[in-house]
PDB file of N, CA and C in Angstrom:
ATOM      1  N   MET A   1      96.347  87.411  60.979  1.00  0.00           N
ATOM      2  CA  MET A   1      96.925  88.011  62.315  1.00  0.00           C
ATOM      3  C   MET A   1      96.051  89.099  63.034  1.00  0.00           C
ATOM      4  N   GLY A   2      95.817  88.788  64.362  1.00  0.00           N
ATOM      5  CA  GLY A   2      94.553  89.841  65.001  1.00  0.00           C
ATOM      6  C   GLY A   2      95.554  91.130  65.614  1.00  0.00           C
ATOM      7  N   ALA A   3      94.843  91.779  66.093  1.00  0.00           N
ATOM      8  CA  ALA A   3      95.314  92.919  66.980  1.00  0.00           C
ATOM      9  C   ALA A   3      96.427  92.348  68.199  1.00  0.00           C
ATOM     10  N   ALA A   4      95.508  91.286  69.125  1.00  0.00           N
ATOM     11  CA  ALA A   4      96.413  90.964  70.327  1.00  0.00           C
ATOM     12  C   ALA A   4      97.417  90.078  69.643  1.00  0.00           C
ATOM     13  N   GLU A   5      97.798  89.489  68.548  1.00  0.00           N
ATOM     14  CA  GLU A   5      98.727  88.760  68.183  1.00  0.00           C
ATOM     15  C   GLU A   5     100.224  89.739  67.741  1.00  0.00           C
ATOM     16  N   ARG A   6      99.739  90.986  67.268  1.00  0.00           N
ATOM     17  CA  ARG A   6     100.551  91.895  67.034  1.00  0.00           C
ATOM     18  C   ARG A   6     101.088  93.091  67.893  1.00  0.00           C
ATOM     19  N   LEU A   7     100.548  93.137  69.155  1.00  0.00           N
ATOM     20  CA  LEU A   7     100.712  93.580  70.458  1.00  0.00           C
ATOM     21  C   LEU A   7     101.958  92.876  71.249  1.00  0.00           C
ATOM     22  N   GLY A   8     102.039  91.658  70.709  1.00  0.00           N
ATOM     23  CA  GLY A   8     103.088  90.848  71.835  1.00  0.00           C
ATOM     24  C   GLY A   8     102.754  90.514  73.103  1.00  0.00           C
ATOM     25  N   TRP A   9     103.555  90.071  73.863  1.00  0.00           N
ATOM     26  CA  TRP A   9     103.090  89.325  74.875  1.00  0.00           C
ATOM     27  C   TRP A   9     102.424  90.711  76.228  1.00  0.00           C
ATOM     28  N   ARG A  10     101.488  90.354  76.939  1.00  0.00           N
ATOM     29  CA  ARG A  10     101.084  91.372  77.850  1.00  0.00           C
ATOM     30  C   ARG A  10     101.088  90.673  79.045  1.00  0.00           C
ATOM     31  N   PRO A  11     101.611  91.604  80.439  1.00  0.00           N
ATOM     32  CA  PRO A  11     101.196  91.043  81.644  1.00  0.00           C
ATOM     33  C   PRO A  11      99.713  90.912  82.216  1.00  0.00           C
ATOM     34  N   PRO A  12      99.388  90.196  83.088  1.00  0.00           N
ATOM     35  CA  PRO A  12      98.286  89.695  83.392  1.00  0.00           C
ATOM     36  C   PRO A  12      97.648  90.931  84.181  1.00  0.00           C
ATOM     37  N   ALA A  13      96.711  91.077  84.102  1.00  0.00           N
ATOM     38  CA  ALA A  13      95.662  92.316  84.490  1.00  0.00           C
ATOM     39  C   ALA A  13      95.993  92.260  86.497  1.00  0.00           C
ATOM     40  N   TRP A  14      95.807  91.225  87.032  1.00  0.00           N
ATOM     41  CA  TRP A  14      96.450  91.002  88.707  1.00  0.00           C
ATOM     42  C   TRP A  14      97.851  91.724  89.066  1.00  0.00           C
ATOM     43  N   ALA A  15      98.604  91.404  87.844  1.00  0.00           N
ATOM     44  CA  ALA A  15     100.366  91.841  87.979  1.00  0.00           C
ATOM     45  C   ALA A  15     100.283  93.627  87.808  1.00  0.00           C
ATOM     46  N   ILE A  16      99.492  93.856  86.834  1.00  0.00           N
ATOM     47  CA  ILE A  16      99.382  95.602  86.829  1.00  0.00           C
ATOM     48  C   ILE A  16      98.463  95.956  87.950  1.00  0.00           C
ATOM     49  N   GLY A  17      97.379  95.253  88.438  1.00  0.00           N
ATOM     50  CA  GLY A  17      96.760  95.908  89.868  1.00  0.00           C
ATOM     51  C   GLY A  17      97.586  95.823  90.930  1.00  0.00           C
ATOM     52  N   LEU A  18      98.509  94.888  91.126  1.00  0.00           N
ATOM     53  CA  LEU A  18      99.707  94.703  92.284  1.00  0.00           C
ATOM     54  C   LEU A  18     100.624  95.559  91.997  1.00  0.00           C
ATOM     55  N   VAL A  19     101.197  96.178  91.028  1.00  0.00           N
ATOM     56  CA  VAL A  19     102.247  97.070  90.759  1.00  0.00           C
ATOM     57  C   VAL A  19     101.628  98.392  91.209  1.00  0.00           C
ATOM     58  N   SER A  20     100.486  98.766  90.777  1.00  0.00           N
ATOM     59  CA  SER A  20     100.008  99.976  90.980  1.00  0.00           C
ATOM     60  C   SER A  20      99.332  99.961  92.413  1.00  0.00           C
ATOM     61  N   ALA A  21      99.132  99.127  92.662  1.00  0.00           N
ATOM     62  CA  ALA A  21      98.717  99.622  94.385  1.00  0.00           C
ATOM     63  C   ALA A  21     100.190  99.494  95.250  1.00  0.00           C
ATOM     64  N   LEU A  22     101.219  99.063  94.883  1.00  0.00           N
ATOM     65  CA  LEU A  22     102.931  99.238  95.531  1.00  0.00           C
ATOM     66  C   LEU A  22     102.780 100.241  95.612  1.00  0.00           C
ATOM     67  N   VAL A  23     102.578 101.033  94.395  1.00  0.00           N
ATOM     68  CA  VAL A  23     103.196 102.272  93.787  1.00  0.00           C
ATOM     69  C   VAL A  23     102.372 103.310  94.604  1.00  0.00           C
ATOM     70  N   ILE A  24     101.225 103.220  95.157  1.00  0.00           N
ATOM     71  CA  ILE A  24     100.147 104.162  95.540  1.00  0.00           C
ATOM     72  C   ILE A  24     100.559 103.814  97.042  1.00  0.00           C
ATOM     73  N   ALA A  25     100.566 102.522  97.229  1.00  0.00           N
ATOM     74  CA  ALA A  25     101.526 102.478  99.300  1.00  0.00           C
ATOM     75  C   ALA A  25     102.594 103.516  99.134  1.00  0.00           C
ATOM     76  N   ILE A  26     103.880 103.094  98.296  1.00  0.00           N
ATOM     77  CA  ILE A  26     104.750 103.742  98.457  1.00  0.00           C
ATOM     78  C   ILE A  26     104.673 105.291  98.453  1.00  0.00           C
ATOM     79  N   ALA A  27     103.671 105.919  97.633  1.00  0.00           N
ATOM     80  CA  ALA A  27     104.103 107.360  97.546  1.00  0.00           C
ATOM     81  C   ALA A  27     102.941 107.922  98.943  1.00  0.00           C
ATOM     82  N   VAL A  28     101.819 107.018  99.718  1.00  0.00           N
ATOM     83  CA  VAL A  28     100.908 107.489 100.772  1.00  0.00           C
ATOM     84  C   VAL A  28     101.968 107.442 101.531  1.00  0.00           C
ATOM     85  N   MET A  29     103.276 106.091 101.996  1.00  0.00           N
ATOM     86  CA  MET A  29     104.008 106.199 103.311  1.00  0.00           C
ATOM     87  C   MET A  29     104.828 107.463 102.946  1.00  0.00           C
ATOM     88  N   GLY A  30     105.631 108.027 101.467  1.00  0.00           N
ATOM     89  CA  GLY A  30     106.138 108.668 101.280  1.00  0.00           C
ATOM     90  C   GLY A  30     105.898 110.367 101.985  1.00  0.00           C
ATOM     91  N   ILE A  31     104.420 110.423 101.744  1.00  0.00           N
ATOM     92  CA  ILE A  31     103.552 111.744 102.296  1.00  0.00           C
ATOM     93  C   ILE A  31     103.354 111.569 103.438  1.00  0.00           C
ATOM     94  N   TRP A  32     103.068 110.373 104.113  1.00  0.00           N
ATOM     95  CA  TRP A  32     102.475 110.212 105.849  1.00  0.00           C
ATOM     96  C   TRP A  32     104.148 110.357 106.577  1.00  0.00           C
ATOM     97  N   ARG A  33     105.091 109.725 106.007  1.00  0.00           N
ATOM     98  CA  ARG A  33     105.841 109.325 106.788  1.00  0.00           C
ATOM     99  C   ARG A  33     105.813 109.188 108.321  1.00  0.00           C
ATOM    100  N   PRO A  34     105.397 107.734 108.692  1.00  0.00           N
ATOM    101  CA  PRO A  34     105.362 107.490 110.069  1.00  0.00           C
ATOM    102  C   PRO A  34     106.357 107.381 110.817  1.00  0.00           C
ATOM    103  N   TRP A  35     107.522 107.212 110.082  1.00  0.00           N
ATOM    104  CA  TRP A  35     108.836 107.152 110.759  1.00  0.00           C
ATOM    105  C   TRP A  35     109.839 108.306 110.990  1.00  0.00           C
ATOM    106  N   ALA A  36     109.017 109.268 110.669  1.00  0.00           N
ATOM    107  CA  ALA A  36     109.561 110.673 111.355  1.00  0.00           C
ATOM    108  C   ALA A  36     108.888 111.158 113.023  1.00  0.00           C
ATOM    109  N   PRO A  37     109.638 111.572 113.583  1.00  0.00           N
ATOM    110  CA  PRO A  37     109.162 111.959 114.628  1.00  0.00           C
ATOM    111  C   PRO A  37     108.258 112.874 114.764  1.00  0.00           C
ATOM    112  N   PRO A  38     107.044 113.479 115.114  1.00  0.00           N
ATOM    113  CA  PRO A  38     106.150 114.515 115.226  1.00  0.00           C
ATOM    114  C   PRO A  38     106.776 115.847 115.908  1.00  0.00           C
ATOM    115  N   PRO A  39     106.630 116.896 115.191  1.00  0.00           N
ATOM    116  CA  PRO A  39     107.014 118.162 115.869  1.00  0.00           C
ATOM    117  C   PRO A  39     106.667 118.633 117.322  1.00  0.00           C
ATOM    118  N   ALA A  40     107.796 118.665 118.254  1.00  0.00           N
ATOM    119  CA  ALA A  40     107.365 119.371 119.767  1.00  0.00           C
ATOM    120  C   ALA A  40     106.541 120.290 119.844  1.00  0.00           C
ATOM    121  N   THR A  41     105.723 120.263 120.898  1.00  0.00           N
ATOM    122  CA  THR A  41     104.915 121.579 121.511  1.00  0.00           C
ATOM    123  C   THR A  41     105.046 121.961 122.188  1.00  0.00           C
ATOM    124  N   VAL A  42     105.396 123.295 122.454  1.00  0.00           N
ATOM    125  CA  VAL A  42     106.125 123.938 123.419  1.00  0.00           C
ATOM    126  C   VAL A  42     104.842 124.886 124.074  1.00  0.00           C
ATOM    127  N   ALA A  43     104.862 124.402 125.653  1.00  0.00           N
ATOM    128  CA  ALA A  43     103.739 124.844 126.270  1.00  0.00           C
ATOM    129  C   ALA A  43     103.944 126.430 126.327  1.00  0.00           C
ATOM    130  N   ALA A  44     102.376 127.168 126.536  1.00  0.00           N
ATOM    131  CA  ALA A  44     102.774 128.679 126.203  1.00  0.00           C
ATOM    132  C   ALA A  44     102.192 129.009 128.079  1.00  0.00           C
ATOM    133  N   GLY A  45     101.805 130.181 127.916  1.00  0.00           N
ATOM    134  CA  GLY A  45     101.761 130.706 129.137  1.00  0.00           C
ATOM    135  C   GLY A  45     100.189 130.823 128.964  1.00  0.00           C
ATOM    136  N   PRO A  46      99.379 130.717 130.469  1.00  0.00           N
ATOM    137  CA  PRO A  46      98.136 130.945 130.482  1.00  0.00           C
ATOM    138  C   PRO A  46      97.421 131.470 129.213  1.00  0.00           C
ATOM    139  N   GLY A  47      96.531 131.503 128.844  1.00  0.00           N
ATOM    140  CA  GLY A  47      95.540 132.113 127.765  1.00  0.00           C
ATOM    141  C   GLY A  47      96.031 131.717 126.335  1.00  0.00           C
ATOM    142  N   GLU A  48      97.247 131.390 126.458  1.00  0.00           N
ATOM    143  CA  GLU A  48      97.933 130.986 124.691  1.00  0.00           C
ATOM    144  C   GLU A  48      98.296 129.988 124.171  1.00  0.00           C
ATOM    145  N   ALA A  49      98.266 129.562 122.655  1.00  0.00           N
ATOM    146  CA  ALA A  49      97.901 128.461 122.313  1.00  0.00           C
ATOM    147  C   ALA A  49      99.415 128.063 122.347  1.00  0.00           C
ATOM    148  N   ALA A  50      99.496 126.874 122.527  1.00  0.00           N
ATOM    149  CA  ALA A  50     100.806 125.891 122.268  1.00  0.00           C
ATOM    150  C   ALA A  50     100.997 126.208 120.896  1.00  0.00           C
ATOM    151  N   ILE A  51     102.772 126.213 120.765  1.00  0.00           N
ATOM    152  CA  ILE A  51     103.086 126.576 119.586  1.00  0.00           C
ATOM    153  C   ILE A  51     103.928 125.290 119.040  1.00  0.00           C
ATOM    154  N   ALA A  52     104.022 124.894 117.643  1.00  0.00           N
ATOM    155  CA  ALA A  52     104.798 123.789 117.286  1.00  0.00           C
ATOM    156  C   ALA A  52     105.769 124.352 116.491  1.00  0.00           C
ATOM    157  N   THR A  53     107.051 123.585 117.029  1.00  0.00           N
ATOM    158  CA  THR A  53     108.691 124.241 116.862  1.00  0.00           C
ATOM    159  C   THR A  53     108.897 123.094 116.057  1.00  0.00           C
ATOM    160  N   PRO A  54     109.883 123.653 115.171  1.00  0.00           N
ATOM    161  CA  PRO A  54     110.827 122.773 114.102  1.00  0.00           C
ATOM    162  C   PRO A  54     111.591 122.305 114.790  1.00  0.00           C
ATOM    163  N   PRO A  55     112.422 120.920 114.503  1.00  0.00           N
ATOM    164  CA  PRO A  55     113.540 120.772 115.248  1.00  0.00           C
ATOM    165  C   PRO A  55     114.529 122.000 115.291  1.00  0.00           C
ATOM    166  N   GLU A  56     115.646 121.580 116.247  1.00  0.00           N
ATOM    167  CA  GLU A  56     116.880 122.969 115.748  1.00  0.00           C
ATOM    168  C   GLU A  56     117.645 122.236 114.579  1.00  0.00           C
ATOM    169  N   LEU A  57     118.049 123.398 114.045  1.00  0.00           N
ATOM    170  CA  LEU A  57     119.261 122.937 112.942  1.00  0.00           C
ATOM    171  C   LEU A  57     120.869 122.343 113.412  1.00  0.00           C
ATOM    172  N   LEU A  58     121.212 121.949 112.757  1.00  0.00           N
ATOM    173  CA  LEU A  58     122.383 121.014 113.478  1.00  0.00           C
ATOM    174  C   LEU A  58     123.648 122.373 113.389  1.00  0.00           C
ATOM    175  N   ASP A  59     124.300 122.359 114.264  1.00  0.00           N
ATOM    176  CA  ASP A  59     125.146 123.368 114.378  1.00  0.00           C
ATOM    177  C   ASP A  59     126.587 122.432 113.924  1.00  0.00           C
ATOM    178  N   LEU A  60     127.487 122.759 113.142  1.00  0.00           N
ATOM    179  CA  LEU A  60     128.860 122.406 112.704  1.00  0.00           C
ATOM    180  C   LEU A  60     129.982 123.259 113.137  1.00  0.00           C
ATOM    181  N   PRO A  61     130.863 122.960 113.687  1.00  0.00           N
ATOM    182  CA  PRO A  61     132.299 123.702 113.996  1.00  0.00           C
ATOM    183  C   PRO A  61     132.776 123.984 112.420  1.00  0.00           C
ATOM    184  N   ALA A  62     133.437 125.133 112.444  1.00  0.00           N
ATOM    185  CA  ALA A  62     134.097 125.354 111.228  1.00  0.00           C
ATOM    186  C   ALA A  62     135.057 124.307 110.738  1.00  0.00           C
ATOM    187  N   GLY A  63     136.039 123.713 110.776  1.00  0.00           N
ATOM    188  CA  GLY A  63     136.564 122.754 110.350  1.00  0.00           C
ATOM    189  C   GLY A  63     135.690 121.143 110.262  1.00  0.00           C
ATOM    190  N   ALA A  64     134.915 121.063 110.206  1.00  0.00           N
ATOM    191  CA  ALA A  64     133.900 119.590 110.253  1.00  0.00           C
ATOM    192  C   ALA A  64     133.993 119.148 109.050  1.00  0.00           C
ATOM    193  N   ARG A  65     134.121 117.695 109.142  1.00  0.00           N
ATOM    194  CA  ARG A  65     134.533 116.577 107.952  1.00  0.00           C
ATOM    195  C   ARG A  65     133.149 115.783 108.159  1.00  0.00           C
ATOM    196  N   VAL A  66     132.078 116.144 107.261  1.00  0.00           N
ATOM    197  CA  VAL A  66     130.688 115.028 107.261  1.00  0.00           C
ATOM    198  C   VAL A  66     130.358 114.541 106.030  1.00  0.00           C
ATOM    199  N   LEU A  67     130.070 113.365 106.036  1.00  0.00           N
ATOM    200  CA  LEU A  67     129.573 112.843 104.994  1.00  0.00           C
ATOM    201  C   LEU A  67     128.110 112.460 105.156  1.00  0.00           C
ATOM    202  N   ILE A  68     127.565 113.347 104.107  1.00  0.00           N
ATOM    203  CA  ILE A  68     125.837 113.114 103.870  1.00  0.00           C
ATOM    204  C   ILE A  68     125.505 112.933 102.535  1.00  0.00           C
ATOM    205  N   PHE A  69     124.738 111.665 102.372  1.00  0.00           N
ATOM    206  CA  PHE A  69     124.054 111.229 101.223  1.00  0.00           C
ATOM    207  C   PHE A  69     125.086 111.157 100.034  1.00  0.00           C
ATOM    208  N   GLY A  70     126.541 110.761 100.801  1.00  0.00           N
ATOM    209  CA  GLY A  70     127.342 110.558  99.792  1.00  0.00           C
ATOM    210  C   GLY A  70     128.507 111.479  99.170  1.00  0.00           C
ATOM    211  N   ASP A  71     127.859 112.440 100.066  1.00  0.00           N
ATOM    212  CA  ASP A  71     129.039 113.968  99.378  1.00  0.00           C
ATOM    213  C   ASP A  71     129.752 113.824 100.516  1.00  0.00           C
ATOM    214  N   SER A  72     130.892 114.013 100.412  1.00  0.00           N
ATOM    215  CA  SER A  72     131.935 114.510 101.276  1.00  0.00           C
ATOM    216  C   SER A  72     132.064 115.937 101.570  1.00  0.00           C
ATOM    217  N   TRP A  73     132.055 116.650 102.530  1.00  0.00           N
ATOM    218  CA  TRP A  73     132.572 118.404 103.227  1.00  0.00           C
ATOM    219  C   TRP A  73     134.355 117.934 103.354  1.00  0.00           C
ATOM    220  N   THR A  74     134.921 118.263 102.541  1.00  0.00           N
ATOM    221  CA  THR A  74     136.349 118.235 103.620  1.00  0.00           C
ATOM    222  C   THR A  74     136.953 119.726 103.047  1.00  0.00           C
TER     223      THR A  74
END
């Protein structure tokens, strides 16, 4: 009995390469986030650099009931 027979079934090399490429593509998309809008740039006065501002925070009323990622605020 050889070493290959003792190890059992192995997936083909192309399948391992395909899964690796998919994992790398998902990681790149998660870092790059092309679906997210770019930060807004605010025009500055003369001689000043433009400033990138993040989006404003969501202002919720005191008695709000909101569902976020499956957790409800009640």
